[in-house]
Amino acid sequence: MFWRTVIYPVALALALLLCGFVGPAWAGLEICNDTDVPQDVAIGYKQDGRWVSEGWWTLEPTACVTAIQEDLQYRFYYFHAKGKGQKFRHDRLSFCTQQALFTIGGDNDCEARGYAKTYFAKIDTGLGSKEHRQYLSTHSGPSVAETGFEPGTWGSPFSGAALFHECSQMFRGGVQFCNLIGAGRVFTVVEDNRTPAEVFKTLRRMRKGTPVQIEGDWVGLYDLSVELVLLSAQERAASDADRVLQQLQGDWRSESDRNDQFTILGGGRQNIYAGTPTSQEYLSVMQFCGEHEGHEPYLYTWDNQGGTGLCYEIKAVSKNVLELVYLPRGTELRYRRLELSQ
């Protein structure tokens, strides 16, 4: 079996450890191994209108490789990494691979052509970027088996879909915690040495509203807040509910009362009246809301201090207009996107 192995000389490796990943300027796509173990890396990219996959480069810890050695032509590229004791968080985007060194044209019918079908993660290089550096730790971390944390250690095993909301500082002791929102609940994960540090590292890199698949232990329930100890938090493909929530993002003003406004960002809503911020709420888009079902999607909102939840039927949502029906009264509420209602 043949591998492209990238190992820095001792002096350079020491410099990298002391100063980070620094060195001469590069062009194209550079991939760096900032994990603690050797990793085998493959990339996927478009060339002359056709998808191509290429690998493997073996990267020792602190090593980098310029996988594409020319100015980048596209915004999105793709990669896969594998290392002992590591779990790779892919985006369910498949390319063809094989165990030996390879350059394979086309991303379809992999198995029929004698290759393996392997899921890759997306690299967003940014609009107009000609070069980009990708670190492996963004999608690779210790597997559950390496953490020594078995399901059921801290509470009842739990898994489900959620949206990442934010990571904050508690007022007492400066303890970090992160919140995720899903199915009408806030999931709180406290940095107290039960959740692996690698999981917190993953959460802190996420943008508000990122769809996440979470696994861990359900420790306690307090009103509408659930305390979790997480085994893993992986980005997932957006669901229908996620896509509806994405349409709701932004600033809205009531057509019947111009003083009544709100802003939705991720899984949170800031209410504003006459220019003054009022209540803050969490929200979820669901297939049912309390005893209401059969007219999905529904919007469930609740005060971030644990107040009573409210149910709305999402009658219509477009680029310009949002129509809600407040339940159970059946009151119709109509909003226009703020920048379009000035």
Protein backbone atom coordinates (compact mmCIF):
# COMPACT_ATOMS: atom_id res chain seq x y z
CA MET A 1 0.00 0.00 0.00
CA PHE A 2 1.34 3.44 -0.92
CA TRP A 3 0.74 6.68 0.97
CA ARG A 4 1.84 10.28 0.60
CA THR A 5 3.48 10.92 3.99
CA VAL A 6 4.09 14.47 5.15
CA ILE A 7 6.52 14.81 8.09
CA TYR A 8 8.25 18.05 9.05
CA PRO A 9 11.92 18.04 10.09
CA VAL A 10 12.47 18.13 13.84
CA ALA A 11 13.46 21.79 13.99
CA LEU A 12 10.47 22.89 11.93
CA ALA A 13 8.11 20.72 13.91
CA LEU A 14 9.37 22.31 17.13
CA ALA A 15 8.84 25.76 15.67
CA LEU A 16 5.30 24.83 14.69
CA LEU A 17 4.56 23.61 18.20
CA LEU A 18 5.84 26.83 19.70
CA CYS A 19 4.38 29.28 17.23
CA GLY A 20 1.44 27.52 15.59
CA PHE A 21 1.05 26.71 11.92
CA VAL A 22 3.29 29.31 10.36
CA GLY A 23 5.59 29.16 7.40
CA PRO A 24 6.01 30.38 3.84
CA ALA A 25 2.98 31.64 1.96
CA TRP A 26 1.01 29.03 0.08
CA ALA A 27 -1.34 29.13 -2.91
CA GLY A 28 -4.42 27.00 -3.28
CA LEU A 29 -5.84 24.65 -0.67
CA GLU A 30 -3.67 23.75 2.34
CA ILE A 31 -4.78 21.16 4.90
CA CYS A 32 -3.17 21.04 8.35
CA ASN A 33 -3.32 18.34 10.99
CA ASP A 34 -3.87 20.11 14.32
CA THR A 35 -4.96 16.89 16.08
CA ASP A 36 -2.78 14.69 18.27
CA VAL A 37 -2.59 11.67 15.94
CA PRO A 38 -1.49 10.97 12.35
CA GLN A 39 -4.35 11.35 9.87
CA ASP A 40 -4.90 10.17 6.31
CA VAL A 41 -6.54 12.84 4.17
CA ALA A 42 -8.37 12.85 0.83
CA ILE A 43 -9.96 15.76 -1.04
CA GLY A 44 -12.78 16.20 -3.53
CA TYR A 45 -13.01 19.05 -6.02
CA LYS A 46 -14.30 20.07 -9.43
CA GLN A 47 -11.87 20.07 -12.35
CA ASP A 48 -12.88 21.08 -15.88
CA GLY A 49 -16.53 20.65 -14.94
CA ARG A 50 -16.06 17.13 -13.54
CA TRP A 51 -15.83 15.94 -9.95
CA VAL A 52 -12.48 14.46 -8.90
CA SER A 53 -11.36 12.83 -5.65
CA GLU A 54 -7.73 12.39 -4.65
CA GLY A 55 -5.82 10.83 -1.72
CA TRP A 56 -4.25 9.77 0.50
CA TRP A 57 -1.85 12.16 2.21
CA THR A 58 -0.63 10.96 5.60
CA LEU A 59 -0.24 13.99 7.86
CA GLU A 60 1.67 13.69 11.10
CA PRO A 61 0.58 16.00 13.95
CA THR A 62 1.46 19.67 13.13
CA ALA A 63 2.06 18.81 9.45
CA CYS A 64 0.39 20.55 6.50
CA VAL A 65 0.04 19.70 2.82
CA THR A 66 -0.91 21.89 -0.12
CA ALA A 67 -3.41 19.54 -1.74
CA ILE A 68 -4.27 21.98 -4.54
CA GLN A 69 -1.26 23.98 -5.67
CA GLU A 70 -2.89 26.74 -7.66
CA ASP A 71 -5.35 29.57 -7.13
CA LEU A 72 -8.75 28.24 -6.09
CA GLN A 73 -11.42 28.46 -8.76
CA TYR A 74 -14.45 27.57 -6.65
CA ARG A 75 -15.85 28.48 -3.24
CA PHE A 76 -16.52 24.92 -2.03
CA TYR A 77 -14.11 21.99 -1.76
CA TYR A 78 -14.43 18.75 0.20
CA PHE A 79 -12.23 16.53 2.38
CA HIS A 80 -12.18 13.33 4.40
CA ALA A 81 -9.77 12.42 7.21
CA LYS A 82 -9.23 9.24 9.20
CA GLY A 83 -6.97 8.58 12.15
CA LYS A 84 -6.72 6.05 14.98
CA GLY A 85 -9.28 6.77 17.69
CA GLN A 86 -10.76 9.65 15.68
CA LYS A 87 -14.36 10.21 14.62
CA PHE A 88 -14.85 12.18 11.40
CA ARG A 89 -17.92 14.43 11.18
CA HIS A 90 -18.93 14.44 7.52
CA ASP A 91 -21.66 16.33 5.67
CA ARG A 92 -23.04 13.28 3.80
CA LEU A 93 -21.40 14.39 0.54
CA SER A 94 -19.99 11.29 -1.13
CA PHE A 95 -16.92 10.77 -3.30
CA CYS A 96 -15.13 7.65 -4.50
CA THR A 97 -12.02 6.41 -2.68
CA GLN A 98 -9.81 3.35 -2.42
CA GLN A 99 -7.21 2.12 0.08
CA ALA A 100 -4.17 2.81 -2.12
CA LEU A 101 -3.15 6.15 -3.60
CA PHE A 102 -5.83 7.37 -6.00
CA THR A 103 -7.06 10.06 -8.33
CA ILE A 104 -10.61 9.17 -9.38
CA GLY A 105 -12.80 11.02 -11.84
CA GLY A 106 -16.54 11.20 -11.15
CA ASP A 107 -18.45 10.85 -7.89
CA ASN A 108 -21.20 8.44 -9.02
CA ASP A 109 -21.49 4.63 -9.09
CA CYS A 110 -18.41 4.25 -6.87
CA GLU A 111 -19.05 0.66 -5.81
CA ALA A 112 -20.05 -0.44 -9.32
CA ARG A 113 -16.68 0.88 -10.52
CA GLY A 114 -14.78 -1.01 -7.84
CA TYR A 115 -14.27 1.90 -5.43
CA ALA A 116 -15.56 2.68 -1.95
CA LYS A 117 -18.26 5.31 -1.39
CA THR A 118 -16.96 7.67 1.30
CA TYR A 119 -18.65 10.66 2.91
CA PHE A 120 -16.73 13.96 2.89
CA ALA A 121 -17.10 17.27 4.72
CA LYS A 122 -17.53 20.64 3.02
CA ILE A 123 -14.81 23.29 3.00
CA ASP A 124 -16.15 26.85 2.54
CA THR A 125 -13.22 28.94 1.29
CA GLY A 126 -15.27 32.14 1.12
CA LEU A 127 -16.35 34.24 -1.82
CA GLY A 128 -13.49 35.15 -4.14
CA SER A 129 -10.77 33.45 -2.08
CA LYS A 130 -7.77 32.18 -4.03
CA GLU A 131 -6.27 30.28 -1.09
CA HIS A 132 -7.52 28.61 2.06
CA ARG A 133 -6.12 26.70 5.03
CA GLN A 134 -8.27 23.92 6.52
CA TYR A 135 -7.64 22.40 9.95
CA LEU A 136 -8.63 18.79 10.59
CA SER A 137 -9.97 19.40 14.10
CA THR A 138 -12.99 21.20 12.65
CA HIS A 139 -14.42 17.79 11.68
CA SER A 140 -12.25 15.25 13.47
CA GLY A 141 -12.03 14.47 17.17
CA PRO A 142 -11.72 11.58 19.62
CA SER A 143 -14.36 8.89 19.16
CA VAL A 144 -16.75 8.04 21.97
CA ALA A 145 -14.67 4.98 22.77
CA GLU A 146 -11.64 7.23 23.37
CA THR A 147 -13.41 9.53 25.83
CA GLY A 148 -14.10 6.83 28.43
CA PHE A 149 -17.70 8.10 28.65
CA GLU A 150 -20.25 5.31 28.26
CA PRO A 151 -23.94 6.14 27.62
CA GLY A 152 -25.89 6.13 30.87
CA THR A 153 -22.94 7.26 32.99
CA TRP A 154 -24.55 10.56 34.04
CA GLY A 155 -28.25 9.99 33.36
CA SER A 156 -30.64 8.53 30.78
CA PRO A 157 -29.11 8.04 27.29
CA PHE A 158 -30.52 10.58 24.83
CA SER A 159 -30.14 11.43 21.14
CA GLY A 160 -32.01 13.88 18.96
CA ALA A 161 -31.95 16.81 16.55
CA ALA A 162 -31.42 20.39 17.71
CA LEU A 163 -30.12 23.78 16.61
CA PHE A 164 -26.99 25.31 18.11
CA HIS A 165 -27.90 28.56 19.88
CA GLU A 166 -24.89 29.97 21.74
CA CYS A 167 -22.09 29.44 24.24
CA SER A 168 -21.99 31.86 27.18
CA GLN A 169 -20.36 32.55 30.54
CA MET A 170 -22.21 31.75 33.76
CA PHE A 171 -22.11 34.52 36.33
CA ARG A 172 -20.83 32.28 39.12
CA GLY A 173 -17.32 30.97 38.86
CA GLY A 174 -16.91 31.82 35.17
CA VAL A 175 -18.12 28.36 34.14
CA GLN A 176 -18.83 27.96 30.41
CA PHE A 177 -22.09 26.55 29.14
CA CYS A 178 -23.65 26.10 25.71
CA ASN A 179 -27.33 26.05 24.71
CA LEU A 180 -29.02 24.12 21.93
CA ILE A 181 -32.72 24.31 21.02
CA GLY A 182 -34.98 21.53 19.78
CA ALA A 183 -38.55 20.22 20.03
CA GLY A 184 -39.67 23.02 22.33
CA ARG A 185 -36.83 22.67 24.83
CA VAL A 186 -33.51 24.32 25.62
CA PHE A 187 -30.66 21.85 26.05
CA THR A 188 -27.94 23.19 28.34
CA VAL A 189 -24.46 21.65 28.44
CA VAL A 190 -22.20 22.82 31.28
CA GLU A 191 -18.40 22.72 31.06
CA ASP A 192 -17.75 20.74 34.22
CA ASN A 193 -15.42 17.96 32.97
CA ARG A 194 -18.30 15.56 32.22
CA THR A 195 -18.74 16.60 28.58
CA PRO A 196 -15.44 16.03 26.69
CA ALA A 197 -13.48 19.19 25.94
CA GLU A 198 -13.44 18.25 22.25
CA VAL A 199 -17.25 18.48 22.14
CA PHE A 200 -17.13 22.01 23.59
CA LYS A 201 -14.47 22.90 21.05
CA THR A 202 -16.82 21.75 18.28
CA LEU A 203 -19.77 23.72 19.68
CA ARG A 204 -17.79 26.95 20.02
CA ARG A 205 -16.97 26.84 16.30
CA MET A 206 -20.62 26.60 15.26
CA ARG A 207 -22.71 29.48 13.98
CA LYS A 208 -26.04 30.29 15.63
CA GLY A 209 -28.81 28.22 14.04
CA THR A 210 -26.54 25.36 12.85
CA PRO A 211 -28.52 22.06 12.65
CA VAL A 212 -26.93 19.55 15.06
CA GLN A 213 -27.39 15.88 15.91
CA ILE A 214 -26.67 15.44 19.62
CA GLU A 215 -25.98 12.35 21.70
CA GLY A 216 -25.42 12.13 25.43
CA ASP A 217 -27.10 11.67 28.80
CA TRP A 218 -30.27 13.46 29.94
CA VAL A 219 -29.37 14.61 33.46
CA GLY A 220 -32.28 16.79 34.59
CA LEU A 221 -35.38 18.70 33.47
CA TYR A 222 -36.13 22.19 34.80
CA ASP A 223 -39.32 23.71 33.31
CA LEU A 224 -38.49 23.76 29.58
CA SER A 225 -34.73 23.42 30.06
CA VAL A 226 -32.92 20.08 29.90
CA GLU A 227 -29.43 19.59 31.31
CA LEU A 228 -27.37 17.31 29.07
CA VAL A 229 -23.94 15.77 29.27
CA LEU A 230 -22.88 15.38 25.64
CA LEU A 231 -20.99 12.56 24.02
CA SER A 232 -21.07 14.18 20.59
CA ALA A 233 -22.53 17.11 18.65
CA GLN A 234 -22.32 16.79 14.88
CA GLU A 235 -23.58 19.08 12.16
CA ARG A 236 -26.42 17.44 10.21
CA ALA A 237 -28.40 18.06 7.04
CA ALA A 238 -31.23 20.59 7.44
CA SER A 239 -34.72 19.12 7.96
CA ASP A 240 -37.99 20.57 6.61
CA ALA A 241 -38.52 22.28 9.99
CA ASP A 242 -35.00 23.75 9.81
CA ARG A 243 -35.71 25.13 6.34
CA VAL A 244 -38.93 26.79 7.53
CA LEU A 245 -37.05 28.34 10.47
CA GLN A 246 -34.40 29.58 8.07
CA GLN A 247 -37.15 31.42 6.14
CA LEU A 248 -38.21 33.09 9.39
CA GLN A 249 -34.77 34.58 10.06
CA GLY A 250 -34.60 38.36 10.10
CA ASP A 251 -36.60 41.43 11.17
CA TRP A 252 -40.42 41.53 11.00
CA ARG A 253 -43.05 44.26 11.64
CA SER A 254 -46.78 43.81 12.28
CA GLU A 255 -49.07 45.16 9.55
CA SER A 256 -51.70 46.10 12.15
CA ASP A 257 -49.34 47.83 14.62
CA ARG A 258 -46.15 49.42 13.29
CA ASN A 259 -44.73 49.60 16.82
CA ASP A 260 -44.82 45.79 17.09
CA GLN A 261 -41.60 44.24 15.74
CA PHE A 262 -39.41 41.22 16.37
CA THR A 263 -36.11 39.77 15.18
CA ILE A 264 -35.49 36.04 14.74
CA LEU A 265 -31.88 34.86 14.87
CA GLY A 266 -31.25 31.13 14.99
CA GLY A 267 -33.63 29.64 17.56
CA GLY A 268 -34.24 32.93 19.39
CA ARG A 269 -36.69 35.82 19.02
CA GLN A 270 -36.17 39.35 20.37
CA ASN A 271 -39.47 41.24 20.68
CA ILE A 272 -39.42 45.01 20.28
CA TYR A 273 -42.19 47.56 20.88
CA ALA A 274 -41.90 51.21 19.87
CA GLY A 275 -38.17 50.73 19.42
CA THR A 276 -37.60 49.29 22.91
CA PRO A 277 -36.51 45.64 23.33
CA THR A 278 -39.01 43.72 25.47
CA SER A 279 -39.11 39.94 25.98
CA GLN A 280 -36.68 37.40 24.58
CA GLU A 281 -37.98 34.01 23.53
CA TYR A 282 -36.79 30.67 22.26
CA LEU A 283 -38.67 29.06 19.40
CA SER A 284 -39.03 25.77 17.55
CA VAL A 285 -40.76 24.80 14.31
CA MET A 286 -42.60 21.51 14.93
CA GLN A 287 -45.15 19.09 13.42
CA PHE A 288 -47.46 19.63 16.39
CA CYS A 289 -47.90 22.15 19.19
CA GLY A 290 -49.57 21.03 22.42
CA GLU A 291 -52.93 19.53 21.46
CA HIS A 292 -52.76 21.09 18.00
CA GLU A 293 -51.76 18.96 15.02
CA GLY A 294 -52.75 18.30 11.44
CA HIS A 295 -51.94 21.79 10.08
CA GLU A 296 -48.16 21.76 10.28
CA PRO A 297 -45.83 23.52 10.47
CA TYR A 298 -46.36 25.04 13.90
CA LEU A 299 -44.27 27.67 15.66
CA TYR A 300 -43.81 27.16 19.40
CA THR A 301 -42.32 30.05 21.39
CA TRP A 302 -41.49 30.36 25.07
CA ASP A 303 -39.88 33.01 27.25
CA ASN A 304 -36.19 32.46 27.91
CA GLN A 305 -36.88 32.79 31.65
CA GLY A 306 -39.13 29.71 31.56
CA GLY A 307 -42.52 31.36 31.01
CA THR A 308 -45.61 29.90 29.37
CA GLY A 309 -45.23 28.65 25.81
CA LEU A 310 -47.37 29.91 22.92
CA CYS A 311 -48.51 28.05 19.80
CA TYR A 312 -48.93 29.44 16.30
CA GLU A 313 -49.84 27.83 13.00
CA ILE A 314 -47.48 29.05 10.27
CA LYS A 315 -50.07 29.79 7.59
CA ALA A 316 -47.61 31.24 5.08
CA VAL A 317 -44.05 32.50 4.94
CA SER A 318 -42.29 34.07 1.97
CA LYS A 319 -39.48 36.51 1.35
CA ASN A 320 -41.83 39.42 2.10
CA VAL A 321 -44.73 38.19 4.24
CA LEU A 322 -45.27 36.05 7.34
CA GLU A 323 -48.79 34.91 8.29
CA LEU A 324 -49.36 33.27 11.70
CA VAL A 325 -52.52 31.99 13.38
CA TYR A 326 -52.41 32.33 17.17
CA LEU A 327 -53.84 29.19 18.79
CA PRO A 328 -56.29 28.32 20.19
CA ARG A 329 -58.11 31.63 19.51
CA GLY A 330 -57.55 31.48 15.77
CA THR A 331 -56.36 35.10 15.66
CA GLU A 332 -54.61 35.83 12.36
CA LEU A 333 -51.37 37.83 12.56
CA ARG A 334 -49.66 39.25 9.50
CA TYR A 335 -46.10 40.63 9.33
CA ARG A 336 -43.88 42.10 6.66
CA ARG A 337 -40.12 41.86 6.54
CA LEU A 338 -38.85 45.06 8.08
CA GLU A 339 -36.52 46.25 5.32
CA LEU A 340 -39.42 45.93 2.91
CA SER A 341 -41.93 47.80 5.08
CA GLN A 342 -40.08 51.10 5.65
